[in-house]
Amino acid sequence: MANVSGNSYGLTTLSPIKNGRVPGAEIACADAIRERLQAWNSESNSPMAQVPHTYLCRFFVLDDVRTESTPGGSLPDTLTDLLPVVPDSVRRGALPVQEQLQSRYLVFCTNFYAGPVATPDAYLAGMWATIPTRIAEIWGDCYGFEDVRNADDFIVYMKKCQLKNALFFNGSNDKPLDEQLKALYLKQELSHFAIANQGLPAATVRANYRAFIARVAPDNLSGPRWHAGQYRLSTESQA
């Protein structure tokens, strides 16, 4: 099924950005959105790390569609190449039309744990519940967003902008986010334990391992574990 791979859902939306400048500012709406997104890099973590069940996400501004070269022509274009006397304007007229976007677009791609429900509704509602002001900050200069006032409006708006992911692939282990964060933490800590206990007597390793298990609490998903959005290794990650 499109957009779904196991328990994971891949949501891609293209929201048309308003043409022209931001009211009261000498900056295009698309450029303003791009600057706001870039400013997120200076924060300690992405606001999207607060959104429940998020595996990965990406934002970018699509200025236009590009072609690597002039599209190949049809039979009339081939014939004009054989006739040097044909004016250049006629040659160009035989080429396929290169279409351009009428607006620039805010592209939002996210993979998240949806479980057996396989819809984006609960995820988008959670996104609105946790970061409503940041949503307005990014989507505020997009066409149609002026009608978004609550979670239900946001879900309807995002579905209107949704692009089907026909070949969506889930690169994770298909488990809930809490389980994946715990697994990453355990993998990191087990590596540290193995290095620290090399060459020690078996009895010492056994005692250290028992203390290690008590400290990392493998069955406790709430902590200790990696934080959502964490991308650097640390000696200790707590919930």
Foldseek 3Di string as FASTA:
>chain_A
DWQDDQQKGKWKFWFFFDADCDVPDPHTRQVQLVVLVVVLVVDPFHLCLQQFFWDDKDKDKAAKDDDPDFDDFDPVLVVVVVPVVDDPVVNVVRGDDDDIDPGIIIMMITMGGRGPVRDCLVRLLSVCVRCVVVVCSNCVRTPPCVPDDHSVSRSVVRVVRTDIRRPDDDPDPNDGPLLVQLVVFVVLQVVVLCVVCPPPDPVVNVVVVVVVCVQSVSVDSQDDGARRRDDDDDNGRTD
